[in-house]
Amino acid sequence: MGIEFTYLRQPPKKYTFEMPQLLKWTIQNCKGRTLNLFAGKTRLAGVDETRIDLNPEMPADYHMDAFEFVLMAKAKGWKFDTIIFDPPYNLRKSREKYFGVYTSELRKIKTELPNIVSEGGFVISYGYDTTGMGRSRGFELVHVCVINHSGDHNDTLCIIERKMQMCIQF
């Protein structure tokens, strides 16, 4: 099975899901119970979505740090079929969206995410790179989506990774 590839042209917007084509692509790729870390202001129509955002002005189920939420979900034994991982892409964006507060250290979040993703579940990551979760955390790359914003704007890169089944060896 190969890696799927999608290429979209979409003018940039302040918030990821204000871009209609990317919103549609995301909704189509959400399966089951979905955790939306760094949720922002756009709800995902038709998705069983739990929304986390540090900014108290955003519509969220929990207004708290993403890392703290992941640790809480792990402690409670919560599992999600899809996790949307859309943090601010750089320090400037973090300052713009969170009033100068630097959001969680992303590596620490990624290290804990496998504990709350169901077997065969997905993590959809957005940013300026395709680093994602990686094989070392038990994930395989299944889909890459490039959003070309035209002009003098960085492309947005999105990847979907599936949590691999655990093999029990005897």
N, C-alpha and C. Protein backbone atom coordinates (compact mmCIF):
# COMPACT_ATOMS: atom_id res chain seq x y z
N MET A 1 0.85 -1.18 0.00
CA MET A 1 0.00 0.00 0.00
C MET A 1 0.89 1.23 0.00
N GLY A 2 0.70 2.13 -0.96
CA GLY A 2 1.51 3.34 -1.08
C GLY A 2 0.97 4.49 -0.27
N ILE A 3 1.69 5.58 -0.33
CA ILE A 3 1.29 6.80 0.36
C ILE A 3 0.40 7.61 -0.58
N GLU A 4 -0.77 8.03 -0.09
CA GLU A 4 -1.67 8.88 -0.87
C GLU A 4 -1.10 10.29 -0.90
N PHE A 5 -1.41 11.02 -1.98
CA PHE A 5 -0.93 12.40 -2.12
C PHE A 5 -2.06 13.28 -2.61
N THR A 6 -2.20 14.45 -1.98
CA THR A 6 -3.21 15.44 -2.39
C THR A 6 -2.51 16.79 -2.54
N TYR A 7 -2.86 17.51 -3.59
CA TYR A 7 -2.30 18.85 -3.83
C TYR A 7 -3.46 19.82 -3.97
N LEU A 8 -3.49 20.84 -3.11
CA LEU A 8 -4.56 21.83 -3.13
C LEU A 8 -3.98 23.22 -3.33
N ARG A 9 -4.71 24.09 -4.00
CA ARG A 9 -4.36 25.51 -4.10
C ARG A 9 -5.39 26.27 -3.28
N GLN A 10 -4.90 27.06 -2.34
CA GLN A 10 -5.81 27.71 -1.40
C GLN A 10 -5.12 28.97 -0.87
N PRO A 11 -5.75 30.15 -1.01
CA PRO A 11 -5.15 31.34 -0.41
C PRO A 11 -5.01 31.14 1.10
N PRO A 12 -3.94 31.70 1.69
CA PRO A 12 -3.73 31.51 3.14
C PRO A 12 -4.75 32.27 3.96
N LYS A 13 -5.02 31.77 5.14
CA LYS A 13 -5.90 32.42 6.11
C LYS A 13 -5.22 32.38 7.47
N LYS A 14 -5.69 33.19 8.38
CA LYS A 14 -5.08 33.25 9.71
C LYS A 14 -5.21 31.92 10.43
N TYR A 15 -6.38 31.30 10.33
CA TYR A 15 -6.62 30.02 10.99
C TYR A 15 -6.73 28.92 9.94
N THR A 16 -6.11 27.79 10.21
CA THR A 16 -6.03 26.68 9.27
C THR A 16 -7.38 26.33 8.65
N PHE A 17 -8.39 26.18 9.49
CA PHE A 17 -9.67 25.67 8.98
C PHE A 17 -10.59 26.76 8.44
N GLU A 18 -10.06 27.97 8.25
CA GLU A 18 -10.78 29.00 7.49
C GLU A 18 -10.55 28.80 5.99
N MET A 19 -9.66 27.87 5.64
CA MET A 19 -9.40 27.55 4.23
C MET A 19 -10.35 26.42 3.82
N PRO A 20 -11.36 26.72 3.00
CA PRO A 20 -12.43 25.75 2.72
C PRO A 20 -11.94 24.40 2.19
N GLN A 21 -10.98 24.39 1.28
CA GLN A 21 -10.52 23.11 0.73
C GLN A 21 -9.81 22.26 1.78
N LEU A 22 -9.00 22.92 2.62
CA LEU A 22 -8.29 22.19 3.66
C LEU A 22 -9.27 21.71 4.73
N LEU A 23 -10.26 22.52 5.04
CA LEU A 23 -11.31 22.11 5.99
C LEU A 23 -12.01 20.85 5.47
N LYS A 24 -12.39 20.86 4.20
CA LYS A 24 -13.09 19.71 3.61
C LYS A 24 -12.19 18.47 3.64
N TRP A 25 -10.91 18.62 3.28
CA TRP A 25 -9.96 17.50 3.30
C TRP A 25 -9.84 16.93 4.71
N THR A 26 -9.76 17.82 5.69
CA THR A 26 -9.61 17.38 7.08
C THR A 26 -10.85 16.60 7.54
N ILE A 27 -12.02 17.16 7.31
CA ILE A 27 -13.27 16.50 7.72
C ILE A 27 -13.37 15.12 7.08
N GLN A 28 -13.01 15.01 5.80
CA GLN A 28 -13.08 13.72 5.10
C GLN A 28 -12.13 12.68 5.72
N ASN A 29 -11.08 13.15 6.38
CA ASN A 29 -10.08 12.23 6.92
C ASN A 29 -10.20 11.99 8.42
N CYS A 30 -11.19 12.59 9.06
CA CYS A 30 -11.43 12.32 10.48
C CYS A 30 -12.28 11.06 10.60
N LYS A 31 -11.81 10.13 11.39
CA LYS A 31 -12.54 8.87 11.61
C LYS A 31 -12.85 8.75 13.09
N GLY A 32 -14.08 8.44 13.43
CA GLY A 32 -14.45 8.17 14.81
C GLY A 32 -14.27 9.35 15.75
N ARG A 33 -14.00 9.02 17.00
CA ARG A 33 -13.82 10.03 18.05
C ARG A 33 -12.53 10.82 17.76
N THR A 34 -12.68 12.15 17.62
CA THR A 34 -11.58 13.00 17.17
C THR A 34 -11.19 14.01 18.23
N LEU A 35 -9.90 14.10 18.50
CA LEU A 35 -9.34 15.11 19.40
C LEU A 35 -8.71 16.20 18.56
N ASN A 36 -9.14 17.43 18.76
CA ASN A 36 -8.61 18.57 18.02
C ASN A 36 -7.80 19.44 18.99
N LEU A 37 -6.49 19.17 19.07
CA LEU A 37 -5.59 19.99 19.89
C LEU A 37 -5.35 21.31 19.16
N PHE A 38 -5.20 22.40 19.88
CA PHE A 38 -4.99 23.73 19.27
C PHE A 38 -6.15 24.04 18.31
N ALA A 39 -7.38 23.86 18.76
CA ALA A 39 -8.56 23.82 17.90
C ALA A 39 -8.86 25.10 17.14
N GLY A 40 -8.55 26.26 17.68
CA GLY A 40 -8.89 27.49 16.96
C GLY A 40 -10.37 27.76 16.99
N LYS A 41 -10.86 28.47 15.98
CA LYS A 41 -12.26 28.92 16.04
C LYS A 41 -13.25 28.14 15.18
N THR A 42 -12.78 27.30 14.27
CA THR A 42 -13.70 26.60 13.36
C THR A 42 -14.02 25.20 13.86
N ARG A 43 -15.32 24.95 14.07
CA ARG A 43 -15.76 23.59 14.42
C ARG A 43 -15.80 22.74 13.16
N LEU A 44 -15.53 21.47 13.31
CA LEU A 44 -15.52 20.55 12.18
C LEU A 44 -16.89 19.89 12.06
N ALA A 45 -17.69 20.34 11.12
CA ALA A 45 -19.07 19.88 10.95
C ALA A 45 -19.12 18.37 10.71
N GLY A 46 -19.98 17.69 11.47
CA GLY A 46 -20.19 16.27 11.29
C GLY A 46 -19.12 15.39 11.92
N VAL A 47 -18.20 15.99 12.67
CA VAL A 47 -17.11 15.23 13.29
C VAL A 47 -17.38 15.14 14.79
N ASP A 48 -17.20 13.96 15.38
CA ASP A 48 -17.30 13.76 16.82
C ASP A 48 -16.01 14.31 17.45
N GLU A 49 -16.04 15.62 17.72
CA GLU A 49 -14.83 16.39 18.01
C GLU A 49 -14.76 16.83 19.47
N THR A 50 -13.63 16.57 20.12
CA THR A 50 -13.31 17.14 21.42
C THR A 50 -12.28 18.23 21.15
N ARG A 51 -12.61 19.47 21.53
CA ARG A 51 -11.81 20.63 21.17
C ARG A 51 -11.01 21.16 22.36
N ILE A 52 -9.69 21.36 22.15
CA ILE A 52 -8.80 21.89 23.16
C ILE A 52 -8.17 23.17 22.61
N ASP A 53 -8.19 24.24 23.38
CA ASP A 53 -7.50 25.46 22.98
C ASP A 53 -7.14 26.25 24.23
N LEU A 54 -5.94 26.76 24.26
CA LEU A 54 -5.44 27.55 25.38
C LEU A 54 -6.15 28.90 25.47
N ASN A 55 -6.54 29.43 24.33
CA ASN A 55 -7.17 30.75 24.26
C ASN A 55 -8.62 30.66 24.74
N PRO A 56 -8.97 31.35 25.84
CA PRO A 56 -10.33 31.27 26.37
C PRO A 56 -11.40 31.88 25.46
N GLU A 57 -10.99 32.59 24.43
CA GLU A 57 -11.95 33.19 23.49
C GLU A 57 -12.36 32.22 22.38
N MET A 58 -11.69 31.09 22.29
CA MET A 58 -12.00 30.11 21.25
C MET A 58 -13.05 29.12 21.75
N PRO A 59 -13.94 28.65 20.84
CA PRO A 59 -14.92 27.65 21.25
C PRO A 59 -14.24 26.30 21.47
N ALA A 60 -14.10 25.91 22.72
CA ALA A 60 -13.40 24.67 23.04
C ALA A 60 -14.11 23.96 24.18
N ASP A 61 -13.92 22.65 24.25
CA ASP A 61 -14.45 21.87 25.36
C ASP A 61 -13.56 22.03 26.59
N TYR A 62 -12.27 22.24 26.34
CA TYR A 62 -11.30 22.44 27.42
C TYR A 62 -10.39 23.60 27.03
N HIS A 63 -10.31 24.61 27.89
CA HIS A 63 -9.37 25.71 27.70
C HIS A 63 -8.18 25.44 28.60
N MET A 64 -7.19 24.76 28.02
CA MET A 64 -6.01 24.40 28.80
C MET A 64 -4.86 24.10 27.85
N ASP A 65 -3.67 23.99 28.42
CA ASP A 65 -2.49 23.65 27.67
C ASP A 65 -2.66 22.25 27.06
N ALA A 66 -2.24 22.11 25.81
CA ALA A 66 -2.41 20.83 25.09
C ALA A 66 -1.69 19.68 25.79
N PHE A 67 -0.48 19.90 26.28
CA PHE A 67 0.26 18.85 26.95
C PHE A 67 -0.45 18.41 28.23
N GLU A 68 -0.96 19.36 28.98
CA GLU A 68 -1.69 19.03 30.20
C GLU A 68 -2.94 18.21 29.88
N PHE A 69 -3.63 18.57 28.77
CA PHE A 69 -4.81 17.80 28.38
C PHE A 69 -4.42 16.36 28.02
N VAL A 70 -3.35 16.20 27.25
CA VAL A 70 -2.92 14.86 26.83
C VAL A 70 -2.59 14.01 28.06
N LEU A 71 -1.91 14.59 29.03
CA LEU A 71 -1.60 13.84 30.26
C LEU A 71 -2.88 13.47 31.02
N MET A 72 -3.86 14.38 31.07
CA MET A 72 -5.13 14.10 31.73
C MET A 72 -5.87 12.97 31.01
N ALA A 73 -5.92 13.04 29.67
CA ALA A 73 -6.61 12.00 28.89
C ALA A 73 -5.94 10.64 29.11
N LYS A 74 -4.63 10.63 29.16
CA LYS A 74 -3.89 9.38 29.41
C LYS A 74 -4.25 8.83 30.79
N ALA A 75 -4.26 9.68 31.79
CA ALA A 75 -4.58 9.25 33.16
C ALA A 75 -6.00 8.69 33.25
N LYS A 76 -6.92 9.24 32.45
CA LYS A 76 -8.31 8.78 32.48
C LYS A 76 -8.56 7.60 31.53
N GLY A 77 -7.54 7.21 30.77
CA GLY A 77 -7.69 6.09 29.85
C GLY A 77 -8.48 6.42 28.60
N TRP A 78 -8.58 7.69 28.25
CA TRP A 78 -9.32 8.09 27.05
C TRP A 78 -8.53 7.72 25.81
N LYS A 79 -9.26 7.28 24.78
CA LYS A 79 -8.67 6.95 23.48
C LYS A 79 -9.41 7.71 22.39
N PHE A 80 -8.67 8.12 21.38
CA PHE A 80 -9.24 8.82 20.23
C PHE A 80 -8.85 8.09 18.96
N ASP A 81 -9.76 8.06 17.99
CA ASP A 81 -9.52 7.40 16.72
C ASP A 81 -8.72 8.30 15.77
N THR A 82 -8.89 9.62 15.91
CA THR A 82 -8.16 10.60 15.12
C THR A 82 -7.73 11.72 16.04
N ILE A 83 -6.50 12.16 15.87
CA ILE A 83 -6.02 13.35 16.59
C ILE A 83 -5.56 14.36 15.56
N ILE A 84 -6.10 15.57 15.66
CA ILE A 84 -5.69 16.67 14.80
C ILE A 84 -4.63 17.45 15.57
N PHE A 85 -3.43 17.51 15.00
CA PHE A 85 -2.29 18.16 15.65
C PHE A 85 -1.90 19.37 14.80
N ASP A 86 -2.48 20.53 15.15
CA ASP A 86 -2.32 21.75 14.36
C ASP A 86 -1.83 22.89 15.25
N PRO A 87 -0.61 22.76 15.80
CA PRO A 87 -0.09 23.82 16.66
C PRO A 87 0.31 25.04 15.83
N PRO A 88 0.54 26.19 16.47
CA PRO A 88 1.14 27.31 15.73
C PRO A 88 2.44 26.82 15.09
N TYR A 89 2.67 27.20 13.83
CA TYR A 89 3.78 26.65 13.07
C TYR A 89 5.14 27.22 13.47
N ASN A 90 5.14 28.36 14.16
CA ASN A 90 6.39 28.94 14.62
C ASN A 90 6.10 29.89 15.78
N LEU A 91 7.15 30.43 16.38
CA LEU A 91 7.00 31.29 17.56
C LEU A 91 6.16 32.53 17.26
N ARG A 92 6.33 33.12 16.07
CA ARG A 92 5.54 34.30 15.71
C ARG A 92 4.05 33.98 15.72
N LYS A 93 3.69 32.84 15.13
CA LYS A 93 2.27 32.46 15.11
C LYS A 93 1.76 32.18 16.52
N SER A 94 2.59 31.59 17.34
CA SER A 94 2.20 31.34 18.73
C SER A 94 1.91 32.65 19.45
N ARG A 95 2.76 33.62 19.24
CA ARG A 95 2.55 34.94 19.87
C ARG A 95 1.27 35.59 19.39
N GLU A 96 0.98 35.47 18.08
CA GLU A 96 -0.23 36.08 17.52
C GLU A 96 -1.50 35.45 18.09
N LYS A 97 -1.53 34.12 18.16
CA LYS A 97 -2.76 33.43 18.53
C LYS A 97 -2.96 33.26 20.02
N TYR A 98 -1.87 33.32 20.78
CA TYR A 98 -1.97 33.06 22.21
C TYR A 98 -1.40 34.19 23.05
N PHE A 99 -1.47 35.42 22.51
CA PHE A 99 -1.14 36.64 23.26
C PHE A 99 0.25 36.58 23.88
N GLY A 100 1.22 36.07 23.13
CA GLY A 100 2.59 36.03 23.61
C GLY A 100 2.93 34.82 24.44
N VAL A 101 1.93 34.00 24.79
CA VAL A 101 2.20 32.79 25.57
C VAL A 101 2.73 31.72 24.62
N TYR A 102 3.85 31.15 24.95
CA TYR A 102 4.41 30.08 24.12
C TYR A 102 3.67 28.79 24.46
N THR A 103 3.19 28.10 23.45
CA THR A 103 2.42 26.87 23.68
C THR A 103 3.35 25.73 24.05
N SER A 104 2.78 24.62 24.41
CA SER A 104 3.51 23.43 24.88
C SER A 104 4.69 23.06 23.99
N GLU A 105 5.65 22.41 24.59
CA GLU A 105 6.77 21.86 23.83
C GLU A 105 6.24 20.69 23.02
N LEU A 106 6.30 20.80 21.72
CA LEU A 106 5.64 19.85 20.83
C LEU A 106 6.21 18.44 20.93
N ARG A 107 7.50 18.31 21.11
CA ARG A 107 8.12 16.98 21.23
C ARG A 107 7.53 16.21 22.41
N LYS A 108 7.30 16.90 23.53
CA LYS A 108 6.73 16.25 24.71
C LYS A 108 5.31 15.77 24.43
N ILE A 109 4.55 16.56 23.71
CA ILE A 109 3.18 16.15 23.36
C ILE A 109 3.23 14.92 22.47
N LYS A 110 4.06 14.96 21.42
CA LYS A 110 4.15 13.83 20.49
C LYS A 110 4.56 12.54 21.19
N THR A 111 5.42 12.65 22.20
CA THR A 111 5.85 11.47 22.93
C THR A 111 4.70 10.83 23.69
N GLU A 112 3.74 11.62 24.14
CA GLU A 112 2.60 11.10 24.90
C GLU A 112 1.40 10.72 24.03
N LEU A 113 1.28 11.29 22.83
CA LEU A 113 0.11 11.02 21.99
C LEU A 113 -0.17 9.54 21.73
N PRO A 114 0.85 8.69 21.51
CA PRO A 114 0.53 7.28 21.26
C PRO A 114 -0.29 6.63 22.38
N ASN A 115 -0.22 7.18 23.58
CA ASN A 115 -0.97 6.64 24.71
C ASN A 115 -2.48 6.90 24.62
N ILE A 116 -2.88 7.86 23.77
CA ILE A 116 -4.31 8.18 23.68
C ILE A 116 -4.88 7.98 22.28
N VAL A 117 -4.09 7.39 21.37
CA VAL A 117 -4.58 7.05 20.03
C VAL A 117 -4.93 5.57 20.04
N SER A 118 -6.13 5.25 19.55
CA SER A 118 -6.52 3.84 19.49
C SER A 118 -5.67 3.10 18.45
N GLU A 119 -5.53 1.78 18.61
CA GLU A 119 -4.79 0.97 17.64
C GLU A 119 -5.41 1.19 16.26
N GLY A 120 -4.58 1.45 15.27
CA GLY A 120 -5.07 1.71 13.92
C GLY A 120 -5.60 3.12 13.74
N GLY A 121 -5.54 3.94 14.81
CA GLY A 121 -6.01 5.32 14.75
C GLY A 121 -5.04 6.21 13.99
N PHE A 122 -5.42 7.48 13.83
CA PHE A 122 -4.67 8.40 12.97
C PHE A 122 -4.29 9.67 13.71
N VAL A 123 -3.14 10.23 13.33
CA VAL A 123 -2.77 11.59 13.72
C VAL A 123 -2.61 12.38 12.44
N ILE A 124 -3.33 13.50 12.35
CA ILE A 124 -3.22 14.40 11.21
C ILE A 124 -2.43 15.62 11.70
N SER A 125 -1.25 15.84 11.11
CA SER A 125 -0.37 16.93 11.53
C SER A 125 -0.28 17.99 10.44
N TYR A 126 -0.18 19.26 10.85
CA TYR A 126 -0.13 20.40 9.94
C TYR A 126 1.10 21.24 10.29
N GLY A 127 1.74 21.82 9.29
CA GLY A 127 2.86 22.70 9.57
C GLY A 127 3.68 23.00 8.34
N TYR A 128 4.94 23.43 8.57
CA TYR A 128 5.86 23.74 7.49
C TYR A 128 6.80 22.58 7.20
N ASP A 129 6.62 21.44 7.88
CA ASP A 129 7.45 20.27 7.64
C ASP A 129 6.58 19.01 7.74
N THR A 130 7.18 17.88 7.46
CA THR A 130 6.45 16.61 7.51
C THR A 130 7.06 15.67 8.55
N THR A 131 7.57 16.23 9.62
CA THR A 131 8.20 15.41 10.65
C THR A 131 7.20 14.47 11.29
N GLY A 132 6.07 14.95 11.73
CA GLY A 132 5.00 14.12 12.27
C GLY A 132 5.39 13.29 13.47
N MET A 133 4.70 12.17 13.65
CA MET A 133 4.90 11.28 14.78
C MET A 133 6.09 10.34 14.57
N GLY A 134 6.19 9.75 13.40
CA GLY A 134 7.34 8.92 13.04
C GLY A 134 7.23 7.46 13.47
N ARG A 135 8.03 6.64 12.83
CA ARG A 135 8.06 5.20 13.10
C ARG A 135 8.55 4.90 14.51
N SER A 136 9.43 5.74 15.04
CA SER A 136 9.95 5.48 16.39
C SER A 136 8.85 5.57 17.45
N ARG A 137 7.77 6.26 17.15
CA ARG A 137 6.63 6.33 18.06
C ARG A 137 5.54 5.34 17.66
N GLY A 138 5.79 4.52 16.65
CA GLY A 138 4.84 3.48 16.26
C GLY A 138 3.84 3.90 15.19
N PHE A 139 4.20 4.86 14.34
CA PHE A 139 3.28 5.35 13.30
C PHE A 139 3.87 5.16 11.92
N GLU A 140 2.97 4.97 10.94
CA GLU A 140 3.39 4.88 9.54
C GLU A 140 2.68 5.97 8.75
N LEU A 141 3.40 6.58 7.82
CA LEU A 141 2.87 7.63 6.97
C LEU A 141 1.92 7.04 5.94
N VAL A 142 0.70 7.60 5.82
CA VAL A 142 -0.26 7.06 4.86
C VAL A 142 -0.75 8.10 3.85
N HIS A 143 -0.60 9.41 4.17
CA HIS A 143 -1.13 10.44 3.27
C HIS A 143 -0.35 11.73 3.47
N VAL A 144 -0.03 12.40 2.36
CA VAL A 144 0.61 13.72 2.38
C VAL A 144 -0.29 14.67 1.59
N CYS A 145 -0.53 15.84 2.15
CA CYS A 145 -1.31 16.87 1.46
C CYS A 145 -0.50 18.16 1.47
N VAL A 146 -0.29 18.75 0.29
CA VAL A 146 0.42 20.01 0.15
C VAL A 146 -0.61 21.08 -0.23
N ILE A 147 -0.61 22.18 0.52
CA ILE A 147 -1.49 23.30 0.20
C ILE A 147 -0.61 24.44 -0.29
N ASN A 148 -0.72 24.73 -1.58
CA ASN A 148 0.03 25.82 -2.19
C ASN A 148 -0.78 27.10 -2.00
N HIS A 149 -0.17 28.08 -1.34
CA HIS A 149 -0.86 29.34 -1.05
C HIS A 149 -0.57 30.42 -2.08
N SER A 150 0.26 30.12 -3.06
CA SER A 150 0.64 31.06 -4.12
C SER A 150 1.42 32.25 -3.56
N GLY A 151 1.98 33.01 -4.47
CA GLY A 151 2.70 34.20 -4.06
C GLY A 151 3.89 33.89 -3.16
N ASP A 152 4.14 34.78 -2.24
CA ASP A 152 5.30 34.68 -1.36
C ASP A 152 4.92 34.07 -0.01
N HIS A 153 4.20 32.97 -0.03
CA HIS A 153 3.75 32.31 1.19
C HIS A 153 4.31 30.89 1.24
N ASN A 154 4.68 30.44 2.44
CA ASN A 154 5.08 29.05 2.60
C ASN A 154 3.89 28.14 2.33
N ASP A 155 4.15 26.99 1.72
CA ASP A 155 3.10 25.97 1.60
C ASP A 155 2.78 25.45 2.99
N THR A 156 1.57 24.94 3.16
CA THR A 156 1.22 24.21 4.37
C THR A 156 1.33 22.73 4.02
N LEU A 157 2.00 21.98 4.87
CA LEU A 157 2.17 20.55 4.66
C LEU A 157 1.37 19.80 5.71
N CYS A 158 0.59 18.84 5.26
CA CYS A 158 -0.25 18.05 6.16
C CYS A 158 0.07 16.58 5.92
N ILE A 159 0.16 15.84 7.01
CA ILE A 159 0.39 14.40 6.87
C ILE A 159 -0.58 13.65 7.75
N ILE A 160 -0.93 12.46 7.29
CA ILE A 160 -1.74 11.55 8.11
C ILE A 160 -0.88 10.33 8.37
N GLU A 161 -0.77 10.00 9.65
CA GLU A 161 -0.03 8.81 10.06
C GLU A 161 -0.97 7.89 10.83
N ARG A 162 -0.81 6.59 10.59
CA ARG A 162 -1.64 5.59 11.26
C ARG A 162 -0.80 4.90 12.34
N LYS A 163 -1.42 4.72 13.51
CA LYS A 163 -0.76 3.98 14.59
C LYS A 163 -0.73 2.51 14.19
N MET A 164 0.47 1.96 14.14
CA MET A 164 0.64 0.57 13.71
C MET A 164 0.14 -0.38 14.81
N GLN A 165 -0.34 -1.51 14.38
CA GLN A 165 -0.77 -2.56 15.31
C GLN A 165 0.45 -3.06 16.08
N MET A 166 0.28 -3.32 17.33
CA MET A 166 1.36 -3.87 18.14
C MET A 166 1.49 -5.36 17.84
N CYS A 167 2.68 -5.82 17.56
CA CYS A 167 2.93 -7.23 17.32
C CYS A 167 3.37 -7.89 18.63
N ILE A 168 2.69 -8.92 18.99
CA ILE A 168 3.08 -9.67 20.18
C ILE A 168 3.92 -10.86 19.72
N GLN A 169 5.14 -10.91 20.21
CA GLN A 169 6.04 -12.00 19.82
C GLN A 169 6.09 -13.03 20.94
N PHE A 170 6.11 -14.31 20.55
CA PHE A 170 6.18 -15.39 21.52
C PHE A 170 7.55 -16.01 21.50
